[in-house]
């Protein structure tokens, strides 16, 4: 943690109310282009002196805004002064003032500050906004609820603020009529709803005087994600929802997953791993199937795995040991073998900074998180930690690693774990991004350990537009990922073209359509 002045924070604050970072004309934001749906709103808000952007001239319109950032903006607009606070968080005084005025409830943003820096959910953002601006919160339940296609997803505690916001025209649904109440609010969306509130409620006397405190506040440094391999980042750990290096700096891993190493061992040799690293990747995931001629049926595949892990480490890349359950579905089926295997791997790599353990690839079938996967994790994690106490562990979840909602409700109690999400761009679209956003906003650290540009079968597509949405989404949340898969199998998710040869590196000509998209994201 660093001690810095609040005024310094405001220079990198997403919606700072001071001016001078860039021109007050929204057209000068490097990433706010004329024709974008938020262009005129951003321009008007900057011209009024209500907000500006980053020192590099960007606005980052699609990045989520945190609870603290959104609330402090409203406090400053409404001339609310910060109260004294002992938590040390830069926004704590403002948050306490908002809490005392009833803009939100204690459990939504506890004064401990643990939720201040998480992306704010839409339903909570609207509540704070309406409490800050509106005098009349009356509404007709039947009329307003009928406007929200996903009304059943809206928590009842937000009816009295979200429904009046619909009545007032402050918020509306997406192109399908959904409000997406538990999804995060982007910076562009926050700008838009604040402007609508200013216009609707006739607020013209906006306080744009910068805060000039005399004391220092302890705050986390701005999130700047680091790349690089083991030599740069060392031992990894999880802080809040963010993967961090041994200096406590945010780090994002980007790399490839192998296909089943029992079928494609030739693509986890030293040449291929080095070639992927040379293109900018800093992680490799090695899929050791448990069945399908994998480990429980052919124990010798373990030697292929360990050779691959060793090759990755020698090339300064993090290595994910993936216990790749698939057709077996229930992780409990081979729990004894899993415990013995991970103890062996922990003993082998306990003094190595670059190994990550993924303890169950894709739980599926007639299983549940609380009944099957969580008890499995509660046995396997201590087995690893008894030997390798500082290890980073990835935990899967049901529905092929898409059941994050149940993880939110019943999370594990261990430190340094992340929960995996898997997606294929042609099948898993905005609904799964919303689910990930909800998990992160509830403090769940997410690692996308497998994703593809194809549909869920590994074929179909490629789907470049939906893939780009996912890439942008993961970038906005600093989510680490591995793409499926490094092989030349005759399916669209394969990254390599037939006839590729990594002895002299991998050129674009040796990549498939999918591979060209993915490898272009490494640097």
Protein backbone atom coordinates (compact mmCIF):
# COMPACT_ATOMS: atom_id res chain seq x y z
CA UNK A 1 0.00 0.00 0.00
CA UNK A 2 1.21 3.51 -0.76
CA UNK A 3 0.60 6.80 0.99
CA UNK A 4 -0.52 9.39 -1.55
CA UNK A 5 -2.47 12.60 -1.45
CA UNK A 6 -6.13 12.48 -2.39
CA UNK A 7 -5.44 15.16 -4.98
CA UNK A 8 -3.03 12.75 -6.65
CA UNK A 9 -5.71 10.09 -6.68
CA UNK A 10 -8.06 12.48 -8.43
CA UNK A 11 -5.64 12.90 -11.30
CA UNK A 12 -6.11 9.25 -12.20
CA UNK A 13 -9.67 9.03 -10.90
CA UNK A 14 -12.01 7.79 -13.57
CA UNK A 15 -14.50 10.65 -13.32
CA UNK A 16 -12.46 13.34 -11.59
CA UNK A 17 -14.26 16.65 -11.14
CA UNK A 18 -11.13 18.66 -11.65
CA UNK A 19 -10.06 19.85 -15.09
CA UNK A 20 -6.73 19.87 -16.80
CA UNK A 21 -6.10 16.18 -17.54
CA UNK A 22 -7.19 16.72 -21.12
CA UNK A 23 -9.19 19.22 -23.11
CA UNK A 24 -12.70 19.81 -21.80
CA UNK A 25 -14.08 18.74 -25.17
CA UNK A 26 -15.12 15.10 -25.15
CA UNK A 27 -14.05 14.77 -28.78
CA UNK A 28 -10.43 14.75 -27.60
CA UNK A 29 -10.67 11.52 -25.64
CA UNK A 30 -8.64 9.03 -27.62
CA UNK A 31 -11.20 6.27 -27.15
CA UNK A 32 -14.42 8.32 -27.45
CA UNK A 33 -15.14 8.52 -31.14
CA UNK A 34 -17.80 10.60 -32.85
CA UNK A 35 -20.73 8.31 -33.58
CA UNK A 36 -20.42 6.31 -30.37
CA UNK A 37 -23.70 6.19 -28.45
CA UNK A 38 -22.14 7.97 -25.46
CA UNK A 39 -20.18 10.58 -27.46
CA UNK A 40 -22.46 13.60 -26.97
CA UNK A 41 -23.06 12.79 -23.31
CA UNK A 42 -19.37 12.53 -22.50
CA UNK A 43 -18.69 15.75 -24.38
CA UNK A 44 -21.43 17.65 -22.57
CA UNK A 45 -20.34 16.38 -19.16
CA UNK A 46 -16.71 17.37 -19.77
CA UNK A 47 -17.73 20.80 -21.03
CA UNK A 48 -19.62 21.34 -17.77
CA UNK A 49 -16.47 20.48 -15.87
CA UNK A 50 -18.09 17.51 -14.14
CA UNK A 51 -15.65 14.88 -15.34
CA UNK A 52 -12.49 14.33 -17.28
CA UNK A 53 -10.30 11.34 -18.04
CA UNK A 54 -6.93 9.68 -17.57
CA UNK A 55 -3.61 11.42 -18.03
CA UNK A 56 -3.05 9.45 -21.23
CA UNK A 57 -6.10 11.12 -22.80
CA UNK A 58 -8.38 8.09 -22.60
CA UNK A 59 -11.81 7.76 -21.04
CA UNK A 60 -12.09 3.92 -20.99
CA UNK A 61 -15.86 3.96 -21.59
CA UNK A 62 -16.40 0.19 -21.32
CA UNK A 63 -14.50 -0.34 -18.07
CA UNK A 64 -16.62 -0.85 -14.92
CA UNK A 65 -16.83 1.95 -12.38
CA UNK A 66 -16.33 1.06 -8.74
CA UNK A 67 -18.74 1.68 -5.90
CA UNK A 68 -16.44 4.30 -4.35
CA UNK A 69 -15.86 6.16 -7.60
CA UNK A 70 -19.55 6.37 -8.46
CA UNK A 71 -20.58 7.47 -4.98
CA UNK A 72 -17.88 10.12 -4.64
CA UNK A 73 -18.90 11.68 -7.96
CA UNK A 74 -22.46 12.09 -6.65
CA UNK A 75 -21.23 13.43 -3.30
CA UNK A 76 -19.16 16.09 -5.05
CA UNK A 77 -22.00 17.05 -7.41
CA UNK A 78 -24.34 17.41 -4.42
CA UNK A 79 -21.72 19.32 -2.38
CA UNK A 80 -21.62 16.59 0.26
CA UNK A 81 -18.59 16.92 2.51
CA UNK A 82 -16.62 13.86 3.64
CA UNK A 83 -16.81 12.80 7.27
CA UNK A 84 -13.78 11.68 9.21
CA UNK A 85 -12.92 8.00 8.84
CA UNK A 86 -10.44 5.57 10.33
CA UNK A 87 -10.38 3.00 7.51
CA UNK A 88 -7.60 4.66 5.53
CA UNK A 89 -9.40 4.31 2.18
CA UNK A 90 -9.24 7.50 0.11
CA UNK A 91 -13.05 7.57 -0.37
CA UNK A 92 -14.04 6.48 3.16
CA UNK A 93 -15.14 9.94 4.33
CA UNK A 94 -17.48 10.40 1.38
CA UNK A 95 -18.79 6.86 1.69
CA UNK A 96 -19.59 7.42 5.35
CA UNK A 97 -21.47 10.61 4.48
CA UNK A 98 -23.49 8.77 1.82
CA UNK A 99 -24.25 6.00 4.28
CA UNK A 100 -25.40 8.49 6.95
CA UNK A 101 -27.72 10.15 4.43
CA UNK A 102 -29.31 6.81 3.58
CA UNK A 103 -28.08 6.58 0.01
CA UNK A 104 -27.24 2.94 0.63
CA UNK A 105 -27.42 0.42 3.48
CA UNK A 106 -24.60 -0.74 5.72
CA UNK A 107 -24.28 -4.22 4.21
CA UNK A 108 -24.10 -2.88 0.64
CA UNK A 109 -20.88 -0.94 1.32
CA UNK A 110 -19.56 -1.78 4.80
CA UNK A 111 -17.29 0.90 6.32
CA UNK A 112 -14.50 -1.67 6.34
CA UNK A 113 -14.00 -0.67 2.71
CA UNK A 114 -13.98 -4.24 1.41
CA UNK A 115 -16.52 -3.42 -1.32
CA UNK A 116 -15.45 0.13 -2.14
CA UNK A 117 -13.15 -0.87 -4.99
CA UNK A 118 -15.40 -3.51 -6.54
CA UNK A 119 -17.45 -2.74 -9.66
CA UNK A 120 -20.81 -1.36 -8.59
CA UNK A 121 -23.92 -3.34 -9.51
CA UNK A 122 -26.49 -1.52 -11.63
CA UNK A 123 -29.26 -1.91 -9.08
CA UNK A 124 -27.13 -0.40 -6.31
CA UNK A 125 -25.89 2.42 -8.55
CA UNK A 126 -29.45 3.39 -9.39
CA UNK A 127 -30.42 3.30 -5.73
CA UNK A 128 -27.59 5.67 -4.76
CA UNK A 129 -28.35 7.94 -7.71
CA UNK A 130 -32.06 8.21 -6.92
CA UNK A 131 -31.46 8.75 -3.22
CA UNK A 132 -29.02 11.53 -4.08
CA UNK A 133 -31.27 13.39 -6.52
CA UNK A 134 -34.96 12.49 -6.25
CA UNK A 135 -37.48 13.93 -3.82
CA UNK A 136 -40.38 11.92 -5.24
CA UNK A 137 -39.88 8.16 -5.38
CA UNK A 138 -43.48 7.24 -6.11
CA UNK A 139 -44.30 4.72 -8.85
CA UNK A 140 -46.93 2.29 -10.07
CA UNK A 141 -45.61 -1.22 -9.53
CA UNK A 142 -47.48 -2.89 -12.40
CA UNK A 143 -46.63 -0.21 -14.94
CA UNK A 144 -42.93 0.03 -14.21
CA UNK A 145 -42.18 -3.63 -13.50
CA UNK A 146 -43.73 -4.54 -16.85
CA UNK A 147 -41.00 -2.52 -18.56
CA UNK A 148 -38.24 -4.77 -17.20
CA UNK A 149 -37.99 -8.09 -19.02
CA UNK A 150 -35.67 -9.56 -16.40
CA UNK A 151 -37.61 -8.12 -13.47
CA UNK A 152 -37.35 -11.42 -11.60
CA UNK A 153 -33.58 -10.86 -11.34
CA UNK A 154 -34.06 -7.54 -9.54
CA UNK A 155 -33.72 -7.79 -5.76
CA UNK A 156 -36.82 -6.63 -3.90
CA UNK A 157 -34.78 -4.19 -1.82
CA UNK A 158 -34.25 -2.11 -4.98
CA UNK A 159 -37.87 -1.88 -6.17
CA UNK A 160 -38.39 1.49 -4.49
CA UNK A 161 -35.52 3.14 -6.35
CA UNK A 162 -35.18 1.26 -9.65
CA UNK A 163 -38.90 1.44 -10.51
CA UNK A 164 -39.04 5.23 -9.90
CA UNK A 165 -35.92 5.52 -12.06
CA UNK A 166 -37.75 3.74 -14.87
CA UNK A 167 -40.72 6.05 -14.36
CA UNK A 168 -38.45 9.09 -14.57
CA UNK A 169 -36.64 7.79 -17.65
CA UNK A 170 -33.29 7.75 -15.85
CA UNK A 171 -32.65 4.13 -16.82
CA UNK A 172 -34.04 1.72 -19.38
CA UNK A 173 -33.43 -1.77 -20.67
CA UNK A 174 -30.93 -3.06 -23.18
CA UNK A 175 -31.92 -4.02 -26.72
CA UNK A 176 -33.75 -7.05 -25.27
CA UNK A 177 -35.50 -5.09 -22.55
CA UNK A 178 -33.30 -6.41 -19.73
CA UNK A 179 -32.05 -4.20 -16.90
CA UNK A 180 -29.31 -6.66 -15.87
CA UNK A 181 -29.51 -5.57 -12.22
CA UNK A 182 -26.48 -7.45 -10.90
CA UNK A 183 -24.17 -6.57 -13.77
CA UNK A 184 -21.57 -3.86 -13.39
CA UNK A 185 -22.04 -0.29 -14.61
CA UNK A 186 -19.53 0.91 -17.17
CA UNK A 187 -18.00 4.36 -17.13
CA UNK A 188 -19.97 5.43 -20.19
CA UNK A 189 -23.21 4.16 -18.63
CA UNK A 190 -22.43 5.95 -15.37
CA UNK A 191 -21.84 9.16 -17.28
CA UNK A 192 -25.18 8.74 -19.05
CA UNK A 193 -27.35 8.05 -16.00
CA UNK A 194 -25.76 10.93 -14.06
CA UNK A 195 -26.48 13.32 -16.94
CA UNK A 196 -30.07 12.08 -17.16
CA UNK A 197 -30.51 12.68 -13.44
CA UNK A 198 -29.08 16.19 -13.70
CA UNK A 199 -31.46 16.98 -16.56
CA UNK A 200 -34.52 15.32 -15.03
CA UNK A 201 -34.21 16.87 -11.61
CA UNK A 202 -33.05 20.28 -12.81
CA UNK A 203 -29.71 20.27 -11.05
CA UNK A 204 -27.69 23.15 -12.44
CA UNK A 205 -25.61 24.27 -9.46
CA UNK A 206 -22.86 21.67 -9.74
CA UNK A 207 -19.88 21.84 -7.41
CA UNK A 208 -16.76 21.49 -9.54
CA UNK A 209 -14.27 22.85 -7.03
CA UNK A 210 -11.47 20.33 -6.48
CA UNK A 211 -11.06 18.79 -3.06
CA UNK A 212 -7.87 20.00 -1.39
CA UNK A 213 -7.29 17.86 1.71
CA UNK A 214 -4.51 18.51 4.19
CA UNK A 215 -4.01 14.91 5.24
CA UNK A 216 -2.86 11.81 3.38
CA UNK A 217 -5.05 8.80 2.77
CA UNK A 218 -3.79 5.25 2.41
CA UNK A 219 -4.98 3.82 -0.85
CA UNK A 220 -4.04 1.19 -3.34
CA UNK A 221 -1.96 2.36 -6.25
CA UNK A 222 -3.86 2.73 -9.54
CA UNK A 223 -4.46 -0.63 -11.18
CA UNK A 224 -1.86 -1.07 -13.89
CA UNK A 225 -1.67 -4.65 -15.00
CA UNK A 226 1.78 -6.15 -15.44
CA UNK A 227 2.77 -8.66 -18.05
CA UNK A 228 5.99 -10.67 -18.06
CA UNK A 229 6.80 -14.10 -16.73
CA UNK A 230 8.09 -15.67 -13.54
CA UNK A 231 11.31 -13.64 -13.45
CA UNK A 232 9.32 -10.39 -13.49
CA UNK A 233 6.38 -11.31 -11.26
CA UNK A 234 7.55 -14.11 -8.99
CA UNK A 235 5.06 -15.85 -6.70
CA UNK A 236 1.46 -14.96 -7.51
CA UNK A 237 -1.28 -14.27 -4.99
CA UNK A 238 -4.88 -13.08 -4.95
CA UNK A 239 -5.80 -9.73 -3.40
CA UNK A 240 -9.52 -9.12 -3.44
CA UNK A 241 -10.54 -10.16 -6.92
CA UNK A 242 -7.20 -9.35 -8.53
CA UNK A 243 -4.31 -11.65 -9.34
CA UNK A 244 -1.12 -9.94 -8.16
CA UNK A 245 2.62 -10.47 -8.37
CA UNK A 246 4.92 -10.75 -5.37
CA UNK A 247 5.19 -6.93 -5.21
CA UNK A 248 1.41 -6.67 -4.85
CA UNK A 249 0.99 -5.26 -8.35
CA UNK A 250 -1.90 -6.40 -10.51
CA UNK A 251 -0.82 -8.95 -13.09
CA UNK A 252 -2.67 -10.49 -16.02
CA UNK A 253 -1.69 -13.85 -17.45
CA UNK A 254 -2.44 -14.51 -21.11
CA UNK A 255 -1.56 -17.71 -22.85
CA UNK A 256 -2.59 -21.01 -24.37
CA UNK A 257 -4.08 -24.24 -23.15
CA UNK A 258 -2.94 -27.49 -24.68
CA UNK A 259 -5.48 -29.93 -26.01
CA UNK A 260 -5.40 -33.34 -24.34
CA UNK A 261 -1.74 -34.15 -23.93
CA UNK A 262 -2.45 -37.85 -24.40
CA UNK A 263 -3.50 -37.05 -27.98
CA UNK A 264 -1.28 -34.10 -28.88
CA UNK A 265 1.99 -34.42 -26.95
CA UNK A 266 3.94 -32.95 -29.86
CA UNK A 267 2.53 -29.49 -29.16
CA UNK A 268 3.78 -29.26 -25.56
CA UNK A 269 7.42 -29.80 -26.45
CA UNK A 270 10.07 -27.20 -25.72
CA UNK A 271 9.97 -25.72 -29.23
CA UNK A 272 6.23 -25.03 -29.17
CA UNK A 273 6.22 -23.67 -25.64
CA UNK A 274 9.14 -21.37 -26.43
CA UNK A 275 7.46 -20.23 -29.65
CA UNK A 276 4.28 -19.29 -27.76
CA UNK A 277 6.33 -17.43 -25.17
CA UNK A 278 8.26 -15.62 -27.88
CA UNK A 279 4.93 -14.33 -29.23
CA UNK A 280 4.21 -12.71 -25.86
CA UNK A 281 2.30 -15.30 -23.81
CA UNK A 282 3.28 -15.67 -20.16
CA UNK A 283 1.32 -18.79 -19.19
CA UNK A 284 0.68 -22.30 -20.51
CA UNK A 285 -2.06 -24.62 -19.33
CA UNK A 286 -1.53 -28.35 -19.70
CA UNK A 287 -4.72 -30.41 -20.00
CA UNK A 288 -4.14 -33.84 -18.50
CA UNK A 289 -7.42 -35.67 -19.03
CA UNK A 290 -8.40 -38.00 -16.21
CA UNK A 291 -10.34 -40.34 -18.50
CA UNK A 292 -10.49 -40.55 -22.33
CA UNK A 293 -7.20 -42.53 -22.31
CA UNK A 294 -5.84 -40.06 -19.78
CA UNK A 295 -4.25 -40.34 -16.34
CA UNK A 296 -6.56 -42.80 -14.56
CA UNK A 297 -6.36 -45.15 -17.54
CA UNK A 298 -2.79 -44.46 -18.64
CA UNK A 299 -0.61 -43.20 -15.81
CA UNK A 300 2.35 -42.65 -18.13
CA UNK A 301 0.76 -39.44 -19.42
CA UNK A 302 2.05 -37.85 -16.20
CA UNK A 303 5.58 -37.83 -17.61
CA UNK A 304 4.35 -35.82 -20.61
CA UNK A 305 2.76 -33.36 -18.20
CA UNK A 306 5.80 -32.84 -15.98
CA UNK A 307 8.11 -32.46 -19.00
CA UNK A 308 5.75 -29.78 -20.35
CA UNK A 309 5.57 -27.96 -17.00
CA UNK A 310 9.36 -28.02 -16.74
CA UNK A 311 9.64 -26.63 -20.28
CA UNK A 312 7.29 -23.78 -19.48
CA UNK A 313 9.19 -22.84 -16.33
CA UNK A 314 12.49 -22.94 -18.19
CA UNK A 315 10.95 -20.51 -20.69
CA UNK A 316 9.92 -18.13 -17.87
CA UNK A 317 6.22 -18.95 -18.29
CA UNK A 318 3.72 -19.85 -15.60
CA UNK A 319 2.42 -23.41 -15.88
CA UNK A 320 -1.10 -24.56 -15.00
CA UNK A 321 -1.42 -28.23 -14.07
CA UNK A 322 -4.96 -29.03 -15.21
CA UNK A 323 -6.70 -32.10 -13.72
CA UNK A 324 -8.95 -32.28 -16.75
CA UNK A 325 -12.20 -33.97 -15.75
CA UNK A 326 -14.75 -34.01 -18.55
CA UNK A 327 -16.66 -37.20 -19.35
CA UNK A 328 -16.33 -38.29 -15.72
CA UNK A 329 -18.23 -35.13 -14.75
CA UNK A 330 -18.27 -35.47 -10.96
CA UNK A 331 -14.87 -34.59 -9.42
CA UNK A 332 -15.64 -36.93 -6.51
CA UNK A 333 -15.35 -39.92 -8.86
CA UNK A 334 -11.54 -39.85 -8.79
CA UNK A 335 -10.96 -37.86 -5.60
CA UNK A 336 -8.49 -40.39 -4.14
CA UNK A 337 -6.41 -40.35 -7.32
CA UNK A 338 -6.64 -36.55 -7.44
CA UNK A 339 -5.41 -36.16 -3.87
CA UNK A 340 -2.44 -38.47 -4.47
CA UNK A 341 -1.61 -36.77 -7.76
CA UNK A 342 -1.70 -33.23 -6.41
CA UNK A 343 0.37 -34.18 -3.38
CA UNK A 344 2.97 -35.58 -5.75
CA UNK A 345 2.91 -32.44 -7.90
CA UNK A 346 3.08 -30.17 -4.84
CA UNK A 347 6.12 -32.05 -3.56
CA UNK A 348 7.79 -31.75 -6.95
CA UNK A 349 7.08 -28.04 -7.48
CA UNK A 350 6.81 -26.61 -3.94
CA UNK A 351 9.98 -24.55 -4.40
CA UNK A 352 8.98 -23.36 -7.86
CA UNK A 353 7.26 -19.97 -8.15
CA UNK A 354 5.62 -20.62 -11.47
CA UNK A 355 3.21 -23.56 -10.95
CA UNK A 356 -0.56 -23.13 -10.63
CA UNK A 357 -2.89 -26.01 -9.75
CA UNK A 358 -6.28 -26.32 -11.51
CA UNK A 359 -8.01 -29.02 -9.50
CA UNK A 360 -11.08 -29.83 -11.64
CA UNK A 361 -11.52 -28.76 -15.23
CA UNK A 362 -15.26 -28.82 -16.03
CA UNK A 363 -17.57 -30.39 -13.45
CA UNK A 364 -20.79 -31.33 -15.22
CA UNK A 365 -23.76 -33.68 -15.20
CA UNK A 366 -26.06 -34.30 -12.28
CA UNK A 367 -23.92 -32.50 -9.70
CA UNK A 368 -24.02 -29.30 -7.65
CA UNK A 369 -21.49 -26.84 -6.31
CA UNK A 370 -22.32 -27.37 -2.64
CA UNK A 371 -22.91 -31.11 -2.91
CA UNK A 372 -20.00 -32.20 -5.10
CA UNK A 373 -17.47 -29.59 -6.18
CA UNK A 374 -17.06 -27.64 -2.96
CA UNK A 375 -16.50 -30.79 -0.80
CA UNK A 376 -13.97 -31.99 -3.38
CA UNK A 377 -12.11 -28.68 -3.22
CA UNK A 378 -12.21 -28.72 0.59
CA UNK A 379 -10.26 -31.97 0.51
CA UNK A 380 -7.85 -31.29 -2.37
CA UNK A 381 -6.84 -27.72 -1.46
CA UNK A 382 -5.56 -28.62 2.04
CA UNK A 383 -3.72 -31.59 0.55
CA UNK A 384 -1.81 -29.23 -1.76
CA UNK A 385 -1.33 -26.52 0.85
CA UNK A 386 0.09 -28.96 3.39
CA UNK A 387 3.08 -29.26 1.06
CA UNK A 388 3.02 -26.04 -1.00
CA UNK A 389 1.39 -23.43 1.28
CA UNK A 390 1.85 -20.43 -1.03
CA UNK A 391 0.35 -22.04 -4.11
CA UNK A 392 -2.25 -20.43 -6.36
CA UNK A 393 -5.17 -22.81 -6.92
CA UNK A 394 -7.92 -22.61 -9.56
CA UNK A 395 -11.28 -24.18 -8.72
CA UNK A 396 -13.86 -25.20 -11.31
CA UNK A 397 -17.63 -25.13 -10.89
CA UNK A 398 -20.65 -26.95 -12.35
CA UNK A 399 -22.16 -26.42 -15.80
CA UNK A 400 -18.72 -26.59 -17.41
CA UNK A 401 -17.41 -23.75 -15.20
CA UNK A 402 -20.33 -21.40 -15.73
CA UNK A 403 -22.16 -21.82 -12.40
CA UNK A 404 -20.57 -18.82 -10.69
CA UNK A 405 -23.84 -17.67 -9.11
CA UNK A 406 -23.77 -20.59 -6.69
CA UNK A 407 -20.12 -19.87 -5.90
CA UNK A 408 -21.16 -16.34 -4.91
CA UNK A 409 -23.70 -17.76 -2.46
CA UNK A 410 -21.41 -20.42 -0.96
CA UNK A 411 -17.76 -19.58 -1.50
CA UNK A 412 -14.73 -21.43 -0.21
CA UNK A 413 -12.87 -20.13 2.85
CA UNK A 414 -9.29 -20.46 1.50
CA UNK A 415 -6.92 -17.67 0.50
CA UNK A 416 -5.11 -17.55 -2.85
CA UNK A 417 -7.78 -19.29 -4.85
CA UNK A 418 -9.56 -18.22 -7.99
CA UNK A 419 -12.70 -19.63 -9.57
CA UNK A 420 -12.62 -20.58 -13.22
CA UNK A 421 -14.98 -19.60 -15.99
CA UNK A 422 -14.95 -21.26 -19.42
CA UNK A 423 -16.61 -19.83 -22.50
CA UNK A 424 -16.82 -20.35 -26.25
CA UNK A 425 -17.69 -17.18 -28.10
CA UNK A 426 -20.24 -18.72 -30.46
CA UNK A 427 -22.30 -20.18 -27.61
CA UNK A 428 -21.68 -18.16 -24.46
CA UNK A 429 -22.50 -14.50 -24.94
CA UNK A 430 -23.65 -11.52 -22.85
CA UNK A 431 -25.52 -13.64 -20.31
CA UNK A 432 -22.29 -15.28 -19.21
CA UNK A 433 -20.39 -11.99 -19.15
CA UNK A 434 -23.13 -10.68 -16.87
CA UNK A 435 -22.68 -13.69 -14.63
CA UNK A 436 -18.92 -13.12 -14.43
CA UNK A 437 -19.46 -9.42 -13.71
CA UNK A 438 -21.87 -10.31 -10.92
CA UNK A 439 -19.34 -12.71 -9.42
CA UNK A 440 -16.55 -10.13 -9.49
CA UNK A 441 -18.81 -7.45 -8.03
CA UNK A 442 -19.49 -9.84 -5.16
CA UNK A 443 -15.80 -10.36 -4.47
CA UNK A 444 -15.22 -13.58 -6.44
CA UNK A 445 -11.82 -13.68 -8.20
CA UNK A 446 -12.26 -15.17 -11.68
CA UNK A 447 -9.68 -16.80 -13.96
CA UNK A 448 -10.78 -17.80 -17.48
CA UNK A 449 -8.68 -20.94 -17.77
CA UNK A 450 -10.29 -22.05 -21.04
CA UNK A 451 -12.01 -20.17 -23.83
CA UNK A 452 -12.43 -20.49 -27.56
CA UNK A 453 -13.33 -18.42 -30.58
CA UNK A 454 -15.66 -21.19 -31.80
CA UNK A 455 -18.90 -22.58 -30.45
CA UNK A 456 -18.91 -24.91 -27.45
CA UNK A 457 -18.21 -27.98 -29.58
CA UNK A 458 -14.82 -26.57 -30.54
CA UNK A 459 -16.11 -26.20 -34.08
CA UNK A 460 -18.35 -23.69 -35.83
CA UNK A 461 -17.28 -20.13 -36.39
CA UNK A 462 -14.83 -18.48 -35.90
CA UNK A 463 -16.90 -15.70 -34.23
CA UNK A 464 -14.62 -12.64 -34.31
CA UNK A 465 -17.17 -10.02 -33.16
CA UNK A 466 -18.30 -11.96 -30.10
CA UNK A 467 -14.70 -12.97 -29.41
CA UNK A 468 -13.69 -9.31 -29.35
CA UNK A 469 -16.46 -8.52 -26.87
CA UNK A 470 -15.06 -11.18 -24.58
CA UNK A 471 -11.48 -9.96 -25.02
CA UNK A 472 -12.53 -6.40 -24.19
CA UNK A 473 -14.56 -7.63 -21.22
CA UNK A 474 -11.68 -9.64 -19.77
CA UNK A 475 -9.35 -6.71 -20.28
CA UNK A 476 -11.69 -4.34 -18.46
CA UNK A 477 -11.68 -6.62 -15.41
CA UNK A 478 -7.98 -7.55 -15.58
CA UNK A 479 -9.00 -11.21 -15.93
CA UNK A 480 -6.27 -13.71 -16.79
CA UNK A 481 -6.93 -16.31 -19.48
CA UNK A 482 -5.80 -19.32 -21.51
CA UNK A 483 -7.14 -20.00 -24.98
CA UNK A 484 -8.18 -23.47 -26.19
CA UNK A 485 -6.12 -24.85 -27.82
CA UNK A 486 -2.51 -25.17 -28.98
CA UNK A 487 -2.83 -27.89 -31.61
CA UNK A 488 -3.62 -28.40 -35.30
CA UNK A 489 -6.73 -30.50 -34.80
CA UNK A 490 -9.27 -30.12 -37.57
CA UNK A 491 -11.57 -27.82 -35.59
CA UNK A 492 -11.96 -24.06 -35.62
CA UNK A 493 -10.82 -23.58 -32.01
CA UNK A 494 -7.36 -24.99 -32.83
CA UNK A 495 -4.73 -22.24 -32.94
CA UNK A 496 -2.29 -23.90 -35.34
CA UNK A 497 -2.50 -24.44 -39.06
CA UNK A 498 -1.76 -27.86 -40.49
CA UNK A 499 1.96 -28.27 -41.06
CA UNK A 500 3.14 -25.77 -38.46
CA UNK A 501 6.70 -26.21 -37.25
CA UNK A 502 7.84 -24.39 -34.11
CA UNK A 503 11.56 -25.12 -34.42
CA UNK A 504 12.08 -21.60 -35.78
CA UNK A 505 9.14 -19.97 -33.99
CA UNK A 506 5.53 -19.57 -35.09
CA UNK A 507 4.74 -17.10 -37.87
CA UNK A 508 1.25 -15.83 -38.63
CA UNK A 509 1.19 -18.15 -41.62
CA UNK A 510 1.45 -21.09 -39.24
CA UNK A 511 -1.60 -19.96 -37.25
CA UNK A 512 -5.24 -20.70 -37.94
CA UNK A 513 -7.84 -17.93 -38.12
CA UNK A 514 -8.46 -18.45 -34.41
CA UNK A 515 -4.74 -18.46 -33.64
CA UNK A 516 -4.17 -15.15 -35.41
CA UNK A 517 -6.86 -13.52 -33.27
CA UNK A 518 -5.57 -14.97 -30.02
CA UNK A 519 -1.84 -14.49 -30.60
CA UNK A 520 -2.57 -10.88 -31.48
CA UNK A 521 -3.74 -10.35 -27.89
CA UNK A 522 -0.55 -11.48 -26.16
CA UNK A 523 1.28 -8.16 -26.36
